[in-house]
N, C-alpha and C. Protein backbone atom coordinates (compact mmCIF):
# COMPACT_ATOMS: atom_id res chain seq x y z
N MET A 1 87.38 -76.67 12.53
CA MET A 1 86.25 -77.02 13.39
C MET A 1 85.69 -75.75 14.05
N ALA A 2 86.57 -74.83 14.33
CA ALA A 2 86.15 -73.59 14.99
C ALA A 2 85.24 -72.78 14.11
N GLU A 3 85.51 -72.90 12.75
CA GLU A 3 84.68 -72.15 11.81
C GLU A 3 83.29 -72.72 11.76
N LYS A 4 83.09 -74.05 11.88
CA LYS A 4 81.76 -74.66 11.82
C LYS A 4 80.92 -74.30 13.04
N ASN A 5 81.55 -74.15 14.21
CA ASN A 5 80.81 -73.84 15.42
C ASN A 5 80.54 -72.34 15.61
N GLN A 6 81.06 -71.56 14.67
CA GLN A 6 80.91 -70.09 14.83
C GLN A 6 79.46 -69.68 14.55
N GLN A 7 78.84 -68.94 15.45
CA GLN A 7 77.42 -68.54 15.37
C GLN A 7 77.30 -67.29 14.51
N VAL A 8 76.24 -67.29 13.64
CA VAL A 8 76.02 -66.16 12.71
C VAL A 8 74.93 -65.27 13.29
N TYR A 9 75.19 -63.97 13.38
CA TYR A 9 74.24 -62.99 13.91
C TYR A 9 73.74 -62.11 12.78
N PRO A 10 72.43 -61.76 12.81
CA PRO A 10 71.91 -60.87 11.74
C PRO A 10 72.48 -59.47 11.90
N LEU A 11 72.59 -58.81 10.73
CA LEU A 11 73.14 -57.46 10.73
C LEU A 11 72.17 -56.49 11.42
N ALA A 12 72.65 -55.61 12.21
CA ALA A 12 71.80 -54.63 12.90
C ALA A 12 71.42 -53.53 11.91
N PRO A 13 70.21 -52.99 12.00
CA PRO A 13 69.81 -51.90 11.09
C PRO A 13 70.67 -50.68 11.33
N ALA A 14 70.80 -49.88 10.29
CA ALA A 14 71.69 -48.72 10.35
C ALA A 14 71.26 -47.73 11.43
N ASN A 15 69.95 -47.62 11.70
CA ASN A 15 69.49 -46.64 12.69
C ASN A 15 69.41 -47.21 14.09
N GLY A 16 69.77 -48.43 14.27
CA GLY A 16 69.86 -49.00 15.60
C GLY A 16 68.64 -49.78 16.03
N TYR A 17 67.49 -49.81 15.23
CA TYR A 17 66.34 -50.61 15.62
C TYR A 17 65.64 -51.11 14.37
N THR A 18 64.83 -52.14 14.57
CA THR A 18 64.10 -52.75 13.46
C THR A 18 62.69 -52.20 13.42
N ARG A 19 62.20 -51.71 12.25
CA ARG A 19 60.86 -51.15 12.09
C ARG A 19 59.93 -52.27 11.64
N SER A 20 58.96 -52.58 12.44
CA SER A 20 58.03 -53.66 12.13
C SER A 20 56.98 -53.19 11.14
N ASP A 21 56.26 -54.15 10.51
CA ASP A 21 55.18 -53.83 9.58
C ASP A 21 54.05 -53.11 10.28
N ALA A 22 53.79 -53.46 11.56
CA ALA A 22 52.71 -52.83 12.32
C ALA A 22 52.99 -51.34 12.50
N GLU A 23 54.27 -51.01 12.76
CA GLU A 23 54.62 -49.61 12.92
C GLU A 23 54.46 -48.85 11.61
N SER A 24 54.79 -49.49 10.50
CA SER A 24 54.65 -48.85 9.19
C SER A 24 53.19 -48.57 8.89
N LEU A 25 52.31 -49.56 9.20
CA LEU A 25 50.87 -49.36 8.97
C LEU A 25 50.33 -48.25 9.86
N GLU A 26 50.81 -48.22 11.10
CA GLU A 26 50.35 -47.19 12.03
C GLU A 26 50.74 -45.80 11.54
N THR A 27 51.96 -45.66 11.03
CA THR A 27 52.42 -44.38 10.51
C THR A 27 51.60 -43.96 9.30
N ALA A 28 51.30 -44.90 8.41
CA ALA A 28 50.50 -44.61 7.21
C ALA A 28 49.09 -44.16 7.60
N ASP A 29 48.51 -44.83 8.58
CA ASP A 29 47.17 -44.45 9.04
C ASP A 29 47.19 -43.06 9.67
N GLU A 30 48.26 -42.76 10.39
CA GLU A 30 48.38 -41.45 11.01
C GLU A 30 48.46 -40.35 9.96
N LEU A 31 49.21 -40.61 8.87
CA LEU A 31 49.32 -39.64 7.78
C LEU A 31 47.96 -39.41 7.11
N LYS A 32 47.23 -40.52 6.90
CA LYS A 32 45.91 -40.40 6.28
C LYS A 32 44.95 -39.60 7.17
N ARG A 33 45.05 -39.86 8.48
CA ARG A 33 44.20 -39.16 9.41
C ARG A 33 44.48 -37.66 9.40
N LYS A 34 45.76 -37.30 9.37
CA LYS A 34 46.14 -35.89 9.32
C LYS A 34 45.66 -35.23 8.04
N LYS A 35 45.73 -35.98 6.93
CA LYS A 35 45.25 -35.44 5.65
C LYS A 35 43.75 -35.19 5.69
N ARG A 36 43.04 -36.16 6.32
CA ARG A 36 41.59 -35.99 6.42
C ARG A 36 41.23 -34.79 7.28
N ILE A 37 42.00 -34.59 8.36
CA ILE A 37 41.75 -33.43 9.23
C ILE A 37 41.99 -32.12 8.48
N LYS A 38 43.08 -32.07 7.71
CA LYS A 38 43.38 -30.87 6.93
C LYS A 38 42.29 -30.60 5.90
N LEU A 39 41.85 -31.68 5.24
CA LEU A 39 40.79 -31.53 4.24
C LEU A 39 39.51 -31.00 4.88
N ALA A 40 39.19 -31.55 6.06
CA ALA A 40 37.98 -31.09 6.76
C ALA A 40 38.10 -29.62 7.15
N ILE A 41 39.31 -29.21 7.57
CA ILE A 41 39.53 -27.81 7.92
C ILE A 41 39.36 -26.90 6.72
N TYR A 42 39.93 -27.32 5.57
CA TYR A 42 39.81 -26.52 4.34
C TYR A 42 38.36 -26.40 3.91
N ILE A 43 37.62 -27.50 4.00
CA ILE A 43 36.20 -27.48 3.62
C ILE A 43 35.42 -26.56 4.55
N GLY A 44 35.73 -26.63 5.85
CA GLY A 44 35.07 -25.77 6.82
C GLY A 44 35.33 -24.29 6.54
N ILE A 45 36.60 -23.98 6.24
CA ILE A 45 36.96 -22.59 5.93
C ILE A 45 36.22 -22.12 4.68
N PHE A 46 36.14 -22.98 3.67
CA PHE A 46 35.46 -22.64 2.42
C PHE A 46 33.97 -22.38 2.67
N ILE A 47 33.35 -23.22 3.48
CA ILE A 47 31.92 -23.05 3.78
C ILE A 47 31.67 -21.74 4.53
N VAL A 48 32.52 -21.46 5.52
CA VAL A 48 32.39 -20.21 6.28
C VAL A 48 32.56 -19.01 5.35
N PHE A 49 33.54 -19.08 4.44
CA PHE A 49 33.77 -18.00 3.48
C PHE A 49 32.55 -17.79 2.59
N GLN A 50 31.97 -18.91 2.12
CA GLN A 50 30.79 -18.81 1.26
C GLN A 50 29.63 -18.18 2.02
N ILE A 51 29.45 -18.56 3.27
CA ILE A 51 28.38 -17.98 4.08
C ILE A 51 28.58 -16.47 4.24
N MET A 52 29.84 -16.07 4.47
CA MET A 52 30.14 -14.65 4.62
C MET A 52 29.85 -13.89 3.33
N VAL A 53 30.22 -14.48 2.20
CA VAL A 53 29.98 -13.84 0.90
C VAL A 53 28.48 -13.69 0.64
N ILE A 54 27.73 -14.78 0.88
CA ILE A 54 26.28 -14.75 0.66
C ILE A 54 25.61 -13.73 1.58
N THR A 55 26.06 -13.70 2.84
CA THR A 55 25.49 -12.73 3.79
C THR A 55 25.78 -11.30 3.36
N ALA A 56 27.02 -11.06 2.92
CA ALA A 56 27.38 -9.72 2.48
C ALA A 56 26.57 -9.31 1.25
N MET A 57 26.37 -10.25 0.33
CA MET A 57 25.58 -9.96 -0.87
C MET A 57 24.13 -9.69 -0.54
N SER A 58 23.60 -10.42 0.44
CA SER A 58 22.20 -10.22 0.81
C SER A 58 21.96 -8.85 1.40
N PHE A 59 23.01 -8.26 2.03
CA PHE A 59 22.86 -6.94 2.63
C PHE A 59 23.28 -5.81 1.69
N THR A 60 23.90 -6.15 0.55
CA THR A 60 24.36 -5.13 -0.38
C THR A 60 23.79 -5.34 -1.78
N VAL A 61 24.39 -6.28 -2.50
CA VAL A 61 24.03 -6.49 -3.90
C VAL A 61 22.58 -6.91 -4.06
N MET A 62 22.12 -7.87 -3.25
CA MET A 62 20.79 -8.44 -3.42
C MET A 62 19.70 -7.66 -2.68
N LYS A 63 20.06 -6.64 -1.93
CA LYS A 63 19.06 -5.85 -1.23
C LYS A 63 18.46 -4.82 -2.19
N VAL A 64 17.15 -4.85 -2.36
CA VAL A 64 16.48 -3.96 -3.30
C VAL A 64 16.02 -2.70 -2.57
N LYS A 65 16.52 -1.57 -3.03
CA LYS A 65 16.15 -0.28 -2.45
C LYS A 65 15.16 0.44 -3.37
N THR A 66 14.31 1.25 -2.78
CA THR A 66 13.34 2.00 -3.57
C THR A 66 14.02 3.16 -4.28
N PRO A 67 13.96 3.22 -5.61
CA PRO A 67 14.54 4.35 -6.34
C PRO A 67 13.85 5.66 -5.95
N LYS A 68 14.52 6.78 -6.17
CA LYS A 68 13.98 8.09 -5.83
C LYS A 68 13.74 8.91 -7.09
N VAL A 69 12.59 9.59 -7.14
CA VAL A 69 12.30 10.50 -8.25
C VAL A 69 12.17 11.91 -7.67
N ARG A 70 12.93 12.83 -8.25
CA ARG A 70 13.00 14.19 -7.74
C ARG A 70 13.07 15.20 -8.88
N LEU A 71 12.80 16.46 -8.55
CA LEU A 71 13.03 17.56 -9.48
C LEU A 71 14.46 18.06 -9.31
N GLY A 72 15.07 18.43 -10.43
CA GLY A 72 16.40 19.01 -10.38
C GLY A 72 16.33 20.53 -10.32
N ASN A 73 17.39 21.19 -10.73
CA ASN A 73 17.43 22.66 -10.72
C ASN A 73 16.33 23.24 -11.61
N ILE A 74 15.73 24.33 -11.15
CA ILE A 74 14.66 24.99 -11.90
C ILE A 74 15.18 26.32 -12.45
N ASN A 75 15.04 26.49 -13.74
CA ASN A 75 15.47 27.72 -14.40
C ASN A 75 14.22 28.46 -14.90
N VAL A 76 13.86 29.52 -14.20
CA VAL A 76 12.65 30.28 -14.54
C VAL A 76 12.88 31.08 -15.81
N GLN A 77 12.02 30.86 -16.79
CA GLN A 77 12.10 31.60 -18.05
C GLN A 77 11.11 32.76 -18.08
N ASP A 78 9.96 32.56 -17.45
CA ASP A 78 8.94 33.61 -17.44
C ASP A 78 8.06 33.43 -16.21
N LEU A 79 7.70 34.55 -15.58
CA LEU A 79 6.83 34.50 -14.39
C LEU A 79 6.04 35.80 -14.31
N ASN A 80 4.77 35.69 -14.54
CA ASN A 80 3.89 36.85 -14.49
C ASN A 80 2.86 36.65 -13.38
N SER A 81 2.60 37.67 -12.61
CA SER A 81 1.64 37.56 -11.51
C SER A 81 0.92 38.88 -11.30
N VAL A 82 -0.34 38.78 -10.89
CA VAL A 82 -1.15 39.95 -10.57
C VAL A 82 -1.85 39.66 -9.25
N SER A 83 -1.48 40.40 -8.21
CA SER A 83 -2.03 40.15 -6.88
C SER A 83 -3.50 40.54 -6.79
N ALA A 84 -3.88 41.56 -7.53
CA ALA A 84 -5.26 42.05 -7.44
C ALA A 84 -6.26 41.06 -8.01
N THR A 85 -5.87 40.31 -9.00
CA THR A 85 -6.83 39.45 -9.69
C THR A 85 -7.35 38.31 -8.84
N PRO A 86 -6.62 37.48 -8.14
CA PRO A 86 -5.18 37.21 -8.30
C PRO A 86 -4.96 36.15 -9.39
N SER A 87 -3.79 36.17 -10.01
CA SER A 87 -3.49 35.19 -11.06
C SER A 87 -1.98 35.13 -11.29
N PHE A 88 -1.57 34.07 -11.93
CA PHE A 88 -0.16 33.93 -12.29
C PHE A 88 -0.04 32.95 -13.46
N ASP A 89 1.03 33.06 -14.15
CA ASP A 89 1.44 32.04 -15.13
C ASP A 89 2.96 32.06 -15.18
N THR A 90 3.53 30.89 -15.34
CA THR A 90 4.98 30.78 -15.33
C THR A 90 5.45 29.68 -16.26
N LYS A 91 6.65 29.84 -16.74
CA LYS A 91 7.29 28.82 -17.58
C LYS A 91 8.72 28.65 -17.09
N PHE A 92 9.09 27.39 -16.87
CA PHE A 92 10.46 27.12 -16.45
C PHE A 92 10.91 25.75 -16.96
N THR A 93 12.22 25.56 -16.95
CA THR A 93 12.78 24.27 -17.32
C THR A 93 13.36 23.61 -16.07
N THR A 94 13.31 22.30 -16.05
CA THR A 94 13.85 21.55 -14.92
C THR A 94 14.22 20.15 -15.38
N GLN A 95 14.75 19.38 -14.47
CA GLN A 95 15.09 17.98 -14.73
C GLN A 95 14.28 17.08 -13.81
N ILE A 96 13.74 16.03 -14.38
CA ILE A 96 13.14 14.97 -13.56
C ILE A 96 14.20 13.89 -13.43
N ARG A 97 14.61 13.60 -12.21
CA ARG A 97 15.72 12.68 -11.97
C ARG A 97 15.23 11.42 -11.25
N VAL A 98 15.54 10.29 -11.83
CA VAL A 98 15.20 9.00 -11.21
C VAL A 98 16.51 8.35 -10.78
N LYS A 99 16.75 8.36 -9.47
CA LYS A 99 18.01 7.85 -8.92
C LYS A 99 17.84 6.39 -8.50
N ASN A 100 18.65 5.52 -9.09
CA ASN A 100 18.59 4.09 -8.81
C ASN A 100 19.90 3.66 -8.15
N THR A 101 19.83 3.24 -6.88
CA THR A 101 21.03 2.83 -6.14
C THR A 101 21.16 1.31 -6.05
N ASN A 102 20.45 0.59 -6.90
CA ASN A 102 20.49 -0.86 -6.89
C ASN A 102 21.53 -1.40 -7.87
N PHE A 103 21.93 -2.67 -7.64
CA PHE A 103 22.89 -3.34 -8.52
C PHE A 103 22.14 -4.02 -9.67
N GLY A 104 21.27 -3.28 -10.30
CA GLY A 104 20.49 -3.76 -11.42
C GLY A 104 19.60 -2.62 -11.91
N PRO A 105 19.17 -2.65 -13.18
CA PRO A 105 18.36 -1.56 -13.73
C PRO A 105 16.96 -1.48 -13.13
N TYR A 106 16.43 -0.27 -13.11
CA TYR A 106 15.05 -0.02 -12.67
C TYR A 106 14.24 0.38 -13.89
N LYS A 107 13.34 -0.51 -14.32
CA LYS A 107 12.49 -0.24 -15.48
C LYS A 107 11.13 0.23 -14.99
N TYR A 108 10.74 1.44 -15.41
CA TYR A 108 9.49 2.00 -14.91
C TYR A 108 8.56 2.37 -16.08
N ASP A 109 7.27 2.41 -15.76
CA ASP A 109 6.24 2.73 -16.75
C ASP A 109 6.08 4.24 -16.88
N ALA A 110 5.36 4.66 -17.92
CA ALA A 110 5.08 6.08 -18.13
C ALA A 110 4.26 6.63 -16.96
N SER A 111 4.49 7.90 -16.66
CA SER A 111 3.78 8.52 -15.54
C SER A 111 3.60 10.01 -15.81
N ILE A 112 3.04 10.72 -14.85
CA ILE A 112 2.76 12.15 -14.98
C ILE A 112 3.21 12.86 -13.70
N VAL A 113 3.84 14.01 -13.87
CA VAL A 113 4.16 14.88 -12.74
C VAL A 113 3.08 15.97 -12.70
N THR A 114 2.44 16.09 -11.56
CA THR A 114 1.37 17.07 -11.39
C THR A 114 1.84 18.22 -10.51
N PHE A 115 1.66 19.46 -11.01
CA PHE A 115 1.99 20.66 -10.26
C PHE A 115 0.69 21.25 -9.73
N SER A 116 0.72 21.63 -8.46
CA SER A 116 -0.52 22.10 -7.84
C SER A 116 -0.28 23.26 -6.89
N TYR A 117 -1.39 23.97 -6.63
CA TYR A 117 -1.39 25.02 -5.62
C TYR A 117 -2.49 24.68 -4.63
N GLN A 118 -2.09 24.40 -3.39
CA GLN A 118 -3.02 24.01 -2.33
C GLN A 118 -3.97 22.89 -2.79
N GLY A 119 -3.40 21.93 -3.49
CA GLY A 119 -4.16 20.76 -3.92
C GLY A 119 -4.84 20.89 -5.25
N ALA A 120 -4.93 22.08 -5.82
CA ALA A 120 -5.57 22.30 -7.12
C ALA A 120 -4.52 22.27 -8.23
N THR A 121 -4.76 21.49 -9.27
CA THR A 121 -3.79 21.31 -10.35
C THR A 121 -3.64 22.59 -11.17
N VAL A 122 -2.38 22.97 -11.41
CA VAL A 122 -2.08 24.14 -12.24
C VAL A 122 -1.26 23.77 -13.47
N GLY A 123 -0.87 22.48 -13.61
CA GLY A 123 -0.12 22.04 -14.77
C GLY A 123 0.42 20.63 -14.60
N GLN A 124 0.80 20.03 -15.72
CA GLN A 124 1.33 18.67 -15.71
C GLN A 124 2.40 18.50 -16.79
N VAL A 125 3.30 17.54 -16.56
CA VAL A 125 4.26 17.11 -17.57
C VAL A 125 4.33 15.59 -17.55
N SER A 126 4.64 15.01 -18.68
CA SER A 126 4.66 13.55 -18.80
C SER A 126 6.07 12.99 -18.59
N ILE A 127 6.13 11.81 -18.00
CA ILE A 127 7.37 11.04 -17.87
C ILE A 127 7.22 9.81 -18.76
N PRO A 128 8.00 9.67 -19.82
CA PRO A 128 7.85 8.51 -20.69
C PRO A 128 8.42 7.24 -20.05
N LYS A 129 7.96 6.11 -20.54
CA LYS A 129 8.47 4.82 -20.08
C LYS A 129 9.96 4.72 -20.38
N SER A 130 10.73 4.30 -19.39
CA SER A 130 12.18 4.24 -19.59
C SER A 130 12.80 3.39 -18.48
N LYS A 131 14.10 3.52 -18.29
CA LYS A 131 14.79 2.80 -17.20
C LYS A 131 15.98 3.59 -16.71
N ALA A 132 16.27 3.41 -15.44
CA ALA A 132 17.47 3.97 -14.82
C ALA A 132 18.44 2.82 -14.62
N GLY A 133 19.64 2.96 -15.17
CA GLY A 133 20.61 1.88 -15.11
C GLY A 133 21.12 1.60 -13.71
N MET A 134 21.89 0.54 -13.61
CA MET A 134 22.47 0.14 -12.32
C MET A 134 23.32 1.27 -11.74
N LEU A 135 23.06 1.61 -10.48
CA LEU A 135 23.83 2.62 -9.76
C LEU A 135 23.96 3.92 -10.55
N SER A 136 22.87 4.37 -11.13
CA SER A 136 22.91 5.58 -11.94
C SER A 136 21.62 6.38 -11.78
N THR A 137 21.62 7.58 -12.35
CA THR A 137 20.45 8.47 -12.29
C THR A 137 19.99 8.81 -13.71
N LYS A 138 18.74 8.51 -13.98
CA LYS A 138 18.14 8.86 -15.26
C LYS A 138 17.65 10.30 -15.19
N LYS A 139 18.08 11.14 -16.17
CA LYS A 139 17.71 12.55 -16.15
C LYS A 139 16.87 12.89 -17.39
N LEU A 140 15.76 13.56 -17.15
CA LEU A 140 14.86 13.94 -18.23
C LEU A 140 14.64 15.45 -18.16
N ASN A 141 15.06 16.16 -19.20
CA ASN A 141 14.85 17.61 -19.26
C ASN A 141 13.43 17.91 -19.74
N VAL A 142 12.74 18.76 -19.01
CA VAL A 142 11.35 19.09 -19.36
C VAL A 142 11.13 20.60 -19.27
N GLU A 143 10.15 21.05 -20.04
CA GLU A 143 9.70 22.44 -19.96
C GLU A 143 8.32 22.44 -19.33
N VAL A 144 8.13 23.25 -18.32
CA VAL A 144 6.88 23.26 -17.55
C VAL A 144 6.16 24.59 -17.75
N ASN A 145 4.87 24.51 -18.05
CA ASN A 145 4.02 25.69 -18.17
C ASN A 145 2.89 25.59 -17.15
N LEU A 146 2.80 26.57 -16.25
CA LEU A 146 1.78 26.54 -15.20
C LEU A 146 0.93 27.80 -15.27
N SER A 147 -0.35 27.62 -14.90
CA SER A 147 -1.27 28.75 -14.92
C SER A 147 -2.31 28.61 -13.82
N SER A 148 -2.76 29.74 -13.31
CA SER A 148 -3.75 29.75 -12.23
C SER A 148 -5.18 29.82 -12.74
N ASN A 149 -5.40 29.65 -14.03
CA ASN A 149 -6.73 29.81 -14.62
C ASN A 149 -7.77 28.91 -13.97
N ALA A 150 -7.38 27.72 -13.56
CA ALA A 150 -8.34 26.76 -13.01
C ALA A 150 -8.53 26.92 -11.50
N LEU A 151 -7.87 27.87 -10.89
CA LEU A 151 -7.95 28.03 -9.43
C LEU A 151 -9.19 28.82 -9.02
N SER A 152 -9.74 28.42 -7.89
CA SER A 152 -10.86 29.16 -7.31
C SER A 152 -10.95 28.82 -5.82
N GLY A 153 -11.36 29.78 -5.04
CA GLY A 153 -11.54 29.55 -3.61
C GLY A 153 -10.26 29.29 -2.85
N THR A 154 -9.16 29.92 -3.25
CA THR A 154 -7.90 29.76 -2.53
C THR A 154 -7.46 31.12 -1.98
N ASN A 155 -6.44 31.11 -1.14
CA ASN A 155 -5.89 32.38 -0.61
C ASN A 155 -4.68 32.81 -1.42
N LEU A 156 -4.76 32.60 -2.74
CA LEU A 156 -3.66 32.94 -3.64
C LEU A 156 -3.32 34.43 -3.53
N GLY A 157 -4.36 35.29 -3.49
CA GLY A 157 -4.10 36.73 -3.43
C GLY A 157 -3.34 37.12 -2.19
N SER A 158 -3.68 36.51 -1.06
CA SER A 158 -3.02 36.84 0.21
C SER A 158 -1.55 36.46 0.17
N GLU A 159 -1.26 35.29 -0.38
CA GLU A 159 0.14 34.85 -0.45
C GLU A 159 0.93 35.71 -1.44
N MET A 160 0.31 36.00 -2.58
CA MET A 160 1.02 36.77 -3.61
C MET A 160 1.31 38.18 -3.14
N SER A 161 0.46 38.72 -2.27
CA SER A 161 0.70 40.07 -1.74
C SER A 161 1.97 40.12 -0.89
N ASN A 162 2.39 38.95 -0.41
CA ASN A 162 3.64 38.86 0.35
C ASN A 162 4.85 38.62 -0.56
N GLY A 163 4.59 38.57 -1.88
CA GLY A 163 5.68 38.44 -2.83
C GLY A 163 6.19 37.03 -3.03
N VAL A 164 5.39 36.01 -2.59
CA VAL A 164 5.83 34.61 -2.70
C VAL A 164 4.73 33.77 -3.34
N LEU A 165 5.14 32.83 -4.16
CA LEU A 165 4.22 31.85 -4.74
C LEU A 165 4.74 30.45 -4.43
N THR A 166 3.97 29.68 -3.68
CA THR A 166 4.40 28.33 -3.27
C THR A 166 3.60 27.28 -4.03
N LEU A 167 4.29 26.39 -4.72
CA LEU A 167 3.67 25.33 -5.50
C LEU A 167 4.21 23.97 -5.07
N ASN A 168 3.45 22.95 -5.40
CA ASN A 168 3.87 21.57 -5.10
C ASN A 168 3.91 20.75 -6.38
N SER A 169 4.76 19.72 -6.38
CA SER A 169 4.80 18.77 -7.49
C SER A 169 4.77 17.36 -6.92
N ALA A 170 4.03 16.49 -7.58
CA ALA A 170 3.90 15.11 -7.10
C ALA A 170 3.87 14.16 -8.29
N ALA A 171 4.41 12.97 -8.07
CA ALA A 171 4.42 11.94 -9.12
C ALA A 171 4.63 10.58 -8.48
N LYS A 172 4.24 9.55 -9.20
CA LYS A 172 4.47 8.19 -8.74
C LYS A 172 4.92 7.33 -9.91
N LEU A 173 6.07 6.70 -9.75
CA LEU A 173 6.59 5.79 -10.76
C LEU A 173 6.41 4.35 -10.28
N THR A 174 5.94 3.50 -11.15
CA THR A 174 5.83 2.07 -10.83
C THR A 174 6.71 1.30 -11.81
N GLY A 175 7.46 0.35 -11.27
CA GLY A 175 8.34 -0.43 -12.12
C GLY A 175 8.95 -1.60 -11.38
N LYS A 176 10.00 -2.16 -11.98
CA LYS A 176 10.65 -3.32 -11.39
C LYS A 176 12.17 -3.14 -11.42
N VAL A 177 12.80 -3.56 -10.32
CA VAL A 177 14.26 -3.61 -10.25
C VAL A 177 14.69 -5.04 -10.60
N GLU A 178 15.60 -5.15 -11.55
CA GLU A 178 16.06 -6.47 -12.02
C GLU A 178 17.46 -6.74 -11.49
N LEU A 179 17.62 -7.85 -10.77
CA LEU A 179 18.91 -8.21 -10.19
C LEU A 179 19.39 -9.54 -10.76
N MET A 180 20.66 -9.60 -11.13
CA MET A 180 21.31 -10.83 -11.58
C MET A 180 20.57 -11.47 -12.76
N LEU A 181 19.83 -10.66 -13.51
CA LEU A 181 19.10 -11.12 -14.70
C LEU A 181 18.03 -12.16 -14.41
N ILE A 182 17.78 -12.46 -13.14
CA ILE A 182 16.82 -13.51 -12.81
C ILE A 182 15.77 -13.04 -11.81
N MET A 183 16.12 -12.12 -10.93
CA MET A 183 15.20 -11.69 -9.89
C MET A 183 14.63 -10.32 -10.22
N LYS A 184 13.32 -10.18 -10.16
CA LYS A 184 12.65 -8.91 -10.41
C LYS A 184 11.80 -8.55 -9.20
N LYS A 185 11.97 -7.31 -8.74
CA LYS A 185 11.25 -6.85 -7.55
C LYS A 185 10.49 -5.58 -7.89
N LYS A 186 9.18 -5.58 -7.63
CA LYS A 186 8.36 -4.41 -7.89
C LYS A 186 8.69 -3.29 -6.89
N LYS A 187 8.86 -2.09 -7.43
CA LYS A 187 9.13 -0.94 -6.58
C LYS A 187 8.40 0.29 -7.13
N SER A 188 7.82 1.07 -6.22
CA SER A 188 7.14 2.31 -6.60
C SER A 188 7.89 3.49 -6.00
N SER A 189 8.15 4.49 -6.84
CA SER A 189 8.86 5.69 -6.39
C SER A 189 7.89 6.87 -6.40
N THR A 190 7.96 7.70 -5.38
CA THR A 190 7.08 8.86 -5.30
C THR A 190 7.88 10.16 -5.20
N MET A 191 7.29 11.21 -5.75
CA MET A 191 7.87 12.55 -5.67
C MET A 191 6.94 13.44 -4.87
N ASP A 192 7.51 14.22 -3.99
CA ASP A 192 6.75 15.22 -3.23
C ASP A 192 7.66 16.41 -3.01
N CYS A 193 7.55 17.39 -3.90
CA CYS A 193 8.43 18.55 -3.85
C CYS A 193 7.63 19.83 -3.60
N THR A 194 8.23 20.75 -2.88
CA THR A 194 7.65 22.06 -2.62
C THR A 194 8.61 23.13 -3.12
N MET A 195 8.09 24.04 -3.95
CA MET A 195 8.94 25.09 -4.52
C MET A 195 8.32 26.44 -4.24
N ALA A 196 9.16 27.40 -3.89
CA ALA A 196 8.70 28.76 -3.61
C ALA A 196 9.37 29.72 -4.60
N PHE A 197 8.57 30.57 -5.22
CA PHE A 197 9.08 31.54 -6.18
C PHE A 197 9.00 32.94 -5.59
N ASP A 198 10.04 33.71 -5.84
CA ASP A 198 10.06 35.12 -5.43
C ASP A 198 9.45 35.92 -6.58
N LEU A 199 8.29 36.51 -6.35
CA LEU A 199 7.57 37.19 -7.42
C LEU A 199 8.24 38.50 -7.85
N SER A 200 8.92 39.15 -6.94
CA SER A 200 9.56 40.42 -7.29
C SER A 200 10.78 40.21 -8.18
N SER A 201 11.60 39.21 -7.87
CA SER A 201 12.80 38.94 -8.67
C SER A 201 12.54 37.92 -9.77
N LYS A 202 11.36 37.29 -9.73
CA LYS A 202 10.97 36.27 -10.71
C LYS A 202 11.99 35.15 -10.78
N THR A 203 12.38 34.68 -9.60
CA THR A 203 13.35 33.59 -9.49
C THR A 203 12.86 32.56 -8.49
N LEU A 204 13.50 31.40 -8.52
CA LEU A 204 13.18 30.35 -7.56
C LEU A 204 13.81 30.70 -6.22
N LYS A 205 13.02 30.68 -5.18
CA LYS A 205 13.51 31.00 -3.84
C LYS A 205 14.00 29.75 -3.12
N SER A 206 13.25 28.66 -3.23
CA SER A 206 13.64 27.40 -2.56
C SER A 206 12.99 26.22 -3.25
N LEU A 207 13.61 25.06 -3.10
CA LEU A 207 13.08 23.79 -3.63
C LEU A 207 13.42 22.69 -2.63
N GLN A 208 12.41 22.03 -2.12
CA GLN A 208 12.60 20.93 -1.16
C GLN A 208 11.81 19.71 -1.64
N CYS A 209 12.50 18.58 -1.68
CA CYS A 209 11.84 17.33 -2.10
C CYS A 209 12.03 16.26 -1.03
N LYS A 210 11.02 15.40 -0.91
CA LYS A 210 11.13 14.31 0.04
C LYS A 210 10.45 13.07 -0.52
């Protein structure tokens, strides 16, 4: 009879408490919420990184700079001058350099370099159509022949009596810089160089370009 009246108790959970379904759902929701927060953080970091990359590219890779055209070293082969006349003729070799600092090629049209004395032309050389590659300098070797035959009404005699001959060279290149194979930007490059020759030693005294 004692066995029939004995009360049966449910077994206690091993950890000491019973976990309800509501608690399980709450924990699952909390995990999902944390995952969503992490995902949002990762997306935010990615967006910020992309903005930084785009900004950096806009100030470096995608920024189009004007290429520079300059004269290189001048090697005088012949220089004859007469102060009394006054007159001169000279022949020298030099390089025409087109420096392109862009992250894409600079394609330019044919042009002419004009050499002058006080604004009067004393000679010219041609620049053929070509291109300067990405972050490189295009070099063109040329031979220049100059003469004072076309000069009149200048103070050439006065300058030559001081043993110096000062000439100028000018040119303008027009072309396009191509970036990422899709963007083309028109750019014009100009040359403005001043060169001084020592008539006694028949050598180049100075060369300045801007």
